Amino acid sequence: MHVRRFDVGEDGSLTGGDVFAESTGEGAGAPDGLKIDSLGHVFCAGPGGVHVYHPDDGTCLGVIRTPAFCANFTWGDDDFMTFFLTSSTCLYRGRVLVPGMALF
C-alpha cells in the first residue's frame, strides 16, 4: 500500500527505505509498475488507473483513470510523448505534455 525511497550506493547497496508515497483513499491498493517521466514524477499502476506522485514529497497529483484494470504502461514514439497503457483485453494510447524517461 506504499512506495518506499532508497539510496543506492556505488556498490549497489541500499540504505534508507522511508515511505515516499502511500496508496490511500477510494479504491486504494498496492502500487505496481513504477516508472518516472522526464521531470521526475513517479507513475504507478494501481486501482483505477495510473497514480502520479510529486518527485519531491510523494504527494499524489492525480490518477489517470482507465476503463479497465491497468496491467502496465510506458511512454513511446521517438519523442517519448505517447503514453501507452495495457489491460487484459486492450491497449490504450494518448499524447502527453511531458515526455517519459528513456529506460536505456
N, C-alpha and C. Protein backbone atom coordinates (compact mmCIF):
# COMPACT_ATOMS: atom_id res chain seq x y z
N MET A 1 0.81 -1.20 0.00
CA MET A 1 0.00 0.00 0.00
C MET A 1 0.85 1.27 0.00
N HIS A 2 2.18 1.13 -0.24
CA HIS A 2 3.03 2.31 -0.27
C HIS A 2 4.24 2.09 -1.19
N VAL A 3 4.91 3.19 -1.48
CA VAL A 3 6.14 3.19 -2.27
C VAL A 3 7.25 3.70 -1.36
N ARG A 4 8.37 3.01 -1.33
CA ARG A 4 9.50 3.43 -0.49
C ARG A 4 10.64 3.98 -1.35
N ARG A 5 11.41 4.89 -0.75
CA ARG A 5 12.55 5.52 -1.42
C ARG A 5 13.85 5.02 -0.79
N PHE A 6 14.76 4.55 -1.64
CA PHE A 6 16.05 4.05 -1.17
C PHE A 6 17.18 4.83 -1.82
N ASP A 7 18.29 4.95 -1.13
CA ASP A 7 19.52 5.48 -1.71
C ASP A 7 20.32 4.29 -2.18
N VAL A 8 20.90 4.40 -3.37
CA VAL A 8 21.70 3.32 -3.93
C VAL A 8 23.16 3.73 -3.90
N GLY A 9 23.97 2.94 -3.19
CA GLY A 9 25.40 3.20 -3.09
C GLY A 9 26.12 2.82 -4.37
N GLU A 10 27.35 3.28 -4.52
CA GLU A 10 28.15 2.96 -5.71
C GLU A 10 28.33 1.46 -5.88
N ASP A 11 28.29 0.72 -4.77
CA ASP A 11 28.45 -0.73 -4.82
C ASP A 11 27.12 -1.46 -4.99
N GLY A 12 26.04 -0.68 -5.17
CA GLY A 12 24.71 -1.26 -5.36
C GLY A 12 23.96 -1.50 -4.07
N SER A 13 24.56 -1.17 -2.93
CA SER A 13 23.89 -1.37 -1.65
C SER A 13 22.76 -0.35 -1.47
N LEU A 14 21.74 -0.75 -0.71
CA LEU A 14 20.59 0.11 -0.46
C LEU A 14 20.57 0.57 0.98
N THR A 15 20.24 1.86 1.17
CA THR A 15 20.03 2.40 2.51
C THR A 15 18.77 3.24 2.47
N GLY A 16 18.25 3.57 3.64
CA GLY A 16 17.04 4.37 3.72
C GLY A 16 15.82 3.49 3.77
N GLY A 17 14.93 3.66 2.82
CA GLY A 17 13.70 2.88 2.79
C GLY A 17 12.51 3.60 3.38
N ASP A 18 12.61 4.93 3.49
CA ASP A 18 11.49 5.71 4.01
C ASP A 18 10.30 5.62 3.07
N VAL A 19 9.09 5.72 3.62
CA VAL A 19 7.89 5.73 2.79
C VAL A 19 7.87 7.03 1.99
N PHE A 20 7.79 6.90 0.67
CA PHE A 20 7.74 8.04 -0.24
C PHE A 20 6.31 8.45 -0.54
N ALA A 21 5.45 7.47 -0.82
CA ALA A 21 4.05 7.75 -1.16
C ALA A 21 3.19 6.59 -0.67
N GLU A 22 1.93 6.91 -0.36
CA GLU A 22 1.01 5.88 0.10
C GLU A 22 -0.21 5.84 -0.81
N SER A 23 -0.70 4.64 -1.02
CA SER A 23 -1.92 4.44 -1.79
C SER A 23 -3.09 4.47 -0.81
N THR A 24 -3.82 5.58 -0.80
CA THR A 24 -4.92 5.76 0.13
C THR A 24 -6.16 6.24 -0.61
N GLY A 25 -7.24 6.30 0.10
CA GLY A 25 -8.48 6.82 -0.47
C GLY A 25 -9.29 5.74 -1.16
N GLU A 26 -10.32 6.17 -1.87
CA GLU A 26 -11.23 5.25 -2.55
C GLU A 26 -10.47 4.38 -3.55
N GLY A 27 -10.67 3.09 -3.46
CA GLY A 27 -10.05 2.16 -4.39
C GLY A 27 -8.57 1.94 -4.16
N ALA A 28 -8.06 2.34 -2.97
CA ALA A 28 -6.63 2.20 -2.70
C ALA A 28 -6.21 0.74 -2.79
N GLY A 29 -5.02 0.55 -3.26
CA GLY A 29 -4.47 -0.80 -3.38
C GLY A 29 -2.97 -0.73 -3.58
N ALA A 30 -2.37 -1.87 -3.83
CA ALA A 30 -0.92 -1.94 -3.95
C ALA A 30 -0.45 -1.32 -5.26
N PRO A 31 0.48 -0.36 -5.19
CA PRO A 31 1.04 0.22 -6.42
C PRO A 31 1.95 -0.79 -7.11
N ASP A 32 2.05 -0.68 -8.43
CA ASP A 32 2.84 -1.63 -9.21
C ASP A 32 3.34 -0.92 -10.46
N GLY A 33 4.40 -1.44 -11.07
CA GLY A 33 4.87 -0.92 -12.35
C GLY A 33 5.39 0.50 -12.27
N LEU A 34 6.32 0.78 -11.38
CA LEU A 34 6.85 2.13 -11.18
C LEU A 34 7.68 2.60 -12.37
N LYS A 35 7.43 3.85 -12.77
CA LYS A 35 8.24 4.50 -13.81
C LYS A 35 8.25 6.00 -13.50
N ILE A 36 9.20 6.73 -14.11
CA ILE A 36 9.23 8.18 -13.93
C ILE A 36 9.23 8.87 -15.28
N ASP A 37 8.72 10.12 -15.28
CA ASP A 37 8.77 10.90 -16.51
C ASP A 37 10.03 11.76 -16.48
N SER A 38 10.22 12.59 -17.49
CA SER A 38 11.45 13.37 -17.62
C SER A 38 11.56 14.47 -16.56
N LEU A 39 10.48 14.77 -15.84
CA LEU A 39 10.53 15.75 -14.75
C LEU A 39 10.66 15.08 -13.39
N GLY A 40 10.69 13.75 -13.37
CA GLY A 40 10.87 13.02 -12.13
C GLY A 40 9.58 12.59 -11.44
N HIS A 41 8.41 12.91 -12.02
CA HIS A 41 7.16 12.45 -11.44
C HIS A 41 7.13 10.92 -11.44
N VAL A 42 6.64 10.34 -10.35
CA VAL A 42 6.59 8.89 -10.20
C VAL A 42 5.21 8.41 -10.61
N PHE A 43 5.17 7.43 -11.52
CA PHE A 43 3.92 6.85 -12.01
C PHE A 43 3.85 5.40 -11.53
N CYS A 44 2.68 5.00 -11.01
CA CYS A 44 2.48 3.63 -10.52
C CYS A 44 1.12 3.13 -11.00
N ALA A 45 1.11 1.94 -11.60
CA ALA A 45 -0.17 1.32 -11.90
C ALA A 45 -0.82 0.94 -10.58
N GLY A 46 -2.11 1.09 -10.51
CA GLY A 46 -2.83 0.76 -9.28
C GLY A 46 -4.32 0.75 -9.54
N PRO A 47 -5.11 0.62 -8.48
CA PRO A 47 -6.56 0.58 -8.64
C PRO A 47 -7.09 1.82 -9.37
N GLY A 48 -7.87 1.62 -10.38
CA GLY A 48 -8.48 2.74 -11.10
C GLY A 48 -7.65 3.33 -12.21
N GLY A 49 -6.37 2.96 -12.31
CA GLY A 49 -5.55 3.52 -13.36
C GLY A 49 -4.10 3.69 -12.95
N VAL A 50 -3.49 4.79 -13.40
CA VAL A 50 -2.09 5.08 -13.11
C VAL A 50 -2.04 6.28 -12.16
N HIS A 51 -1.43 6.08 -11.00
CA HIS A 51 -1.32 7.12 -9.98
C HIS A 51 -0.03 7.89 -10.22
N VAL A 52 -0.10 9.22 -10.07
CA VAL A 52 1.05 10.09 -10.34
C VAL A 52 1.42 10.82 -9.06
N TYR A 53 2.72 10.75 -8.69
CA TYR A 53 3.19 11.35 -7.44
C TYR A 53 4.27 12.40 -7.71
N HIS A 54 4.29 13.45 -6.88
CA HIS A 54 5.28 14.51 -6.98
C HIS A 54 6.65 13.94 -6.60
N PRO A 55 7.71 14.30 -7.37
CA PRO A 55 9.02 13.69 -7.11
C PRO A 55 9.67 14.11 -5.79
N ASP A 56 9.30 15.25 -5.24
CA ASP A 56 9.95 15.72 -4.02
C ASP A 56 9.38 15.11 -2.75
N ASP A 57 8.04 15.10 -2.65
CA ASP A 57 7.43 14.71 -1.38
C ASP A 57 6.41 13.58 -1.48
N GLY A 58 6.21 13.02 -2.67
CA GLY A 58 5.30 11.89 -2.83
C GLY A 58 3.82 12.25 -2.78
N THR A 59 3.49 13.53 -2.85
CA THR A 59 2.10 13.94 -2.88
C THR A 59 1.43 13.38 -4.14
N CYS A 60 0.25 12.79 -3.97
CA CYS A 60 -0.47 12.28 -5.13
C CYS A 60 -1.00 13.45 -5.94
N LEU A 61 -0.60 13.54 -7.20
CA LEU A 61 -1.04 14.63 -8.08
C LEU A 61 -2.31 14.27 -8.81
N GLY A 62 -2.65 12.98 -8.85
CA GLY A 62 -3.87 12.56 -9.51
C GLY A 62 -3.74 11.14 -10.03
N VAL A 63 -4.82 10.70 -10.66
CA VAL A 63 -4.88 9.35 -11.21
C VAL A 63 -5.33 9.45 -12.66
N ILE A 64 -4.59 8.83 -13.56
CA ILE A 64 -5.01 8.71 -14.95
C ILE A 64 -5.98 7.54 -14.96
N ARG A 65 -7.26 7.83 -15.00
CA ARG A 65 -8.30 6.81 -14.89
C ARG A 65 -8.35 5.95 -16.16
N THR A 66 -8.53 4.67 -15.96
CA THR A 66 -8.62 3.74 -17.08
C THR A 66 -9.92 2.95 -16.98
N PRO A 67 -10.53 2.61 -18.10
CA PRO A 67 -11.80 1.88 -18.08
C PRO A 67 -11.65 0.42 -17.67
N ALA A 68 -10.44 -0.09 -17.70
CA ALA A 68 -10.16 -1.48 -17.32
C ALA A 68 -8.93 -1.48 -16.43
N PHE A 69 -8.69 -2.58 -15.73
CA PHE A 69 -7.52 -2.70 -14.87
C PHE A 69 -6.26 -2.45 -15.69
N CYS A 70 -5.40 -1.55 -15.24
CA CYS A 70 -4.16 -1.23 -15.94
C CYS A 70 -3.09 -2.23 -15.54
N ALA A 71 -2.68 -3.06 -16.49
CA ALA A 71 -1.67 -4.08 -16.22
C ALA A 71 -0.25 -3.51 -16.29
N ASN A 72 -0.03 -2.56 -17.20
CA ASN A 72 1.28 -1.96 -17.36
C ASN A 72 1.15 -0.70 -18.21
N PHE A 73 2.22 0.09 -18.27
CA PHE A 73 2.21 1.33 -19.04
C PHE A 73 3.64 1.71 -19.38
N THR A 74 3.78 2.58 -20.39
CA THR A 74 5.09 3.10 -20.77
C THR A 74 4.90 4.30 -21.69
N TRP A 75 5.97 4.98 -21.98
CA TRP A 75 5.97 6.05 -22.98
C TRP A 75 6.66 5.53 -24.23
N GLY A 76 6.27 6.06 -25.38
CA GLY A 76 6.88 5.60 -26.61
C GLY A 76 6.91 6.67 -27.68
N ASP A 77 7.14 6.24 -28.89
CA ASP A 77 7.42 7.06 -30.07
C ASP A 77 8.80 7.69 -29.90
N ASP A 78 9.31 8.28 -30.94
CA ASP A 78 10.66 8.85 -30.92
C ASP A 78 10.84 9.93 -29.86
N ASP A 79 9.75 10.65 -29.53
CA ASP A 79 9.84 11.75 -28.57
C ASP A 79 9.38 11.36 -27.16
N PHE A 80 9.03 10.10 -26.94
CA PHE A 80 8.54 9.61 -25.65
C PHE A 80 7.33 10.40 -25.13
N MET A 81 6.52 10.91 -26.05
CA MET A 81 5.36 11.70 -25.65
C MET A 81 4.04 11.01 -25.97
N THR A 82 4.10 9.72 -26.27
CA THR A 82 2.88 8.92 -26.39
C THR A 82 2.86 7.96 -25.21
N PHE A 83 1.77 8.00 -24.46
CA PHE A 83 1.61 7.18 -23.26
C PHE A 83 0.79 5.96 -23.63
N PHE A 84 1.33 4.78 -23.38
CA PHE A 84 0.65 3.52 -23.68
C PHE A 84 0.25 2.83 -22.38
N LEU A 85 -0.97 2.34 -22.32
CA LEU A 85 -1.46 1.58 -21.18
C LEU A 85 -2.03 0.27 -21.68
N THR A 86 -1.79 -0.81 -20.94
CA THR A 86 -2.34 -2.09 -21.32
C THR A 86 -3.28 -2.62 -20.24
N SER A 87 -4.29 -3.35 -20.68
CA SER A 87 -5.16 -4.10 -19.78
C SER A 87 -5.19 -5.54 -20.29
N SER A 88 -6.00 -6.38 -19.69
CA SER A 88 -6.04 -7.76 -20.15
C SER A 88 -6.65 -7.90 -21.54
N THR A 89 -7.38 -6.88 -22.01
CA THR A 89 -8.05 -7.00 -23.31
C THR A 89 -7.77 -5.85 -24.27
N CYS A 90 -7.13 -4.78 -23.80
CA CYS A 90 -6.98 -3.60 -24.66
C CYS A 90 -5.61 -2.94 -24.50
N LEU A 91 -5.27 -2.15 -25.52
CA LEU A 91 -4.11 -1.28 -25.49
C LEU A 91 -4.63 0.13 -25.72
N TYR A 92 -4.27 1.04 -24.82
CA TYR A 92 -4.70 2.44 -24.93
C TYR A 92 -3.46 3.28 -25.19
N ARG A 93 -3.66 4.41 -25.88
CA ARG A 93 -2.55 5.33 -26.10
C ARG A 93 -3.08 6.74 -26.18
N GLY A 94 -2.24 7.68 -25.80
CA GLY A 94 -2.59 9.09 -25.87
C GLY A 94 -1.34 9.93 -25.80
N ARG A 95 -1.40 11.12 -26.36
CA ARG A 95 -0.27 12.03 -26.33
C ARG A 95 -0.26 12.76 -24.99
N VAL A 96 0.94 13.06 -24.50
CA VAL A 96 1.10 13.74 -23.22
C VAL A 96 1.93 15.01 -23.39
N LEU A 97 1.93 15.86 -22.37
CA LEU A 97 2.66 17.13 -22.43
C LEU A 97 4.11 17.01 -21.93
N VAL A 98 4.36 16.00 -21.09
CA VAL A 98 5.69 15.79 -20.54
C VAL A 98 6.18 14.42 -21.00
N PRO A 99 7.35 14.36 -21.64
CA PRO A 99 7.84 13.06 -22.11
C PRO A 99 8.24 12.15 -20.97
N GLY A 100 8.19 10.87 -21.26
CA GLY A 100 8.67 9.88 -20.30
C GLY A 100 10.19 9.84 -20.28
N MET A 101 10.71 9.05 -19.37
CA MET A 101 12.16 8.88 -19.24
C MET A 101 12.57 7.64 -20.02
N ALA A 102 13.58 7.77 -20.85
CA ALA A 102 14.09 6.62 -21.60
C ALA A 102 14.67 5.62 -20.62
N LEU A 103 14.45 4.34 -20.87
CA LEU A 103 14.92 3.30 -19.95
C LEU A 103 16.28 2.74 -20.33
N PHE A 104 16.97 3.37 -21.21
CA PHE A 104 18.28 2.86 -21.62
C PHE A 104 19.29 3.97 -21.61
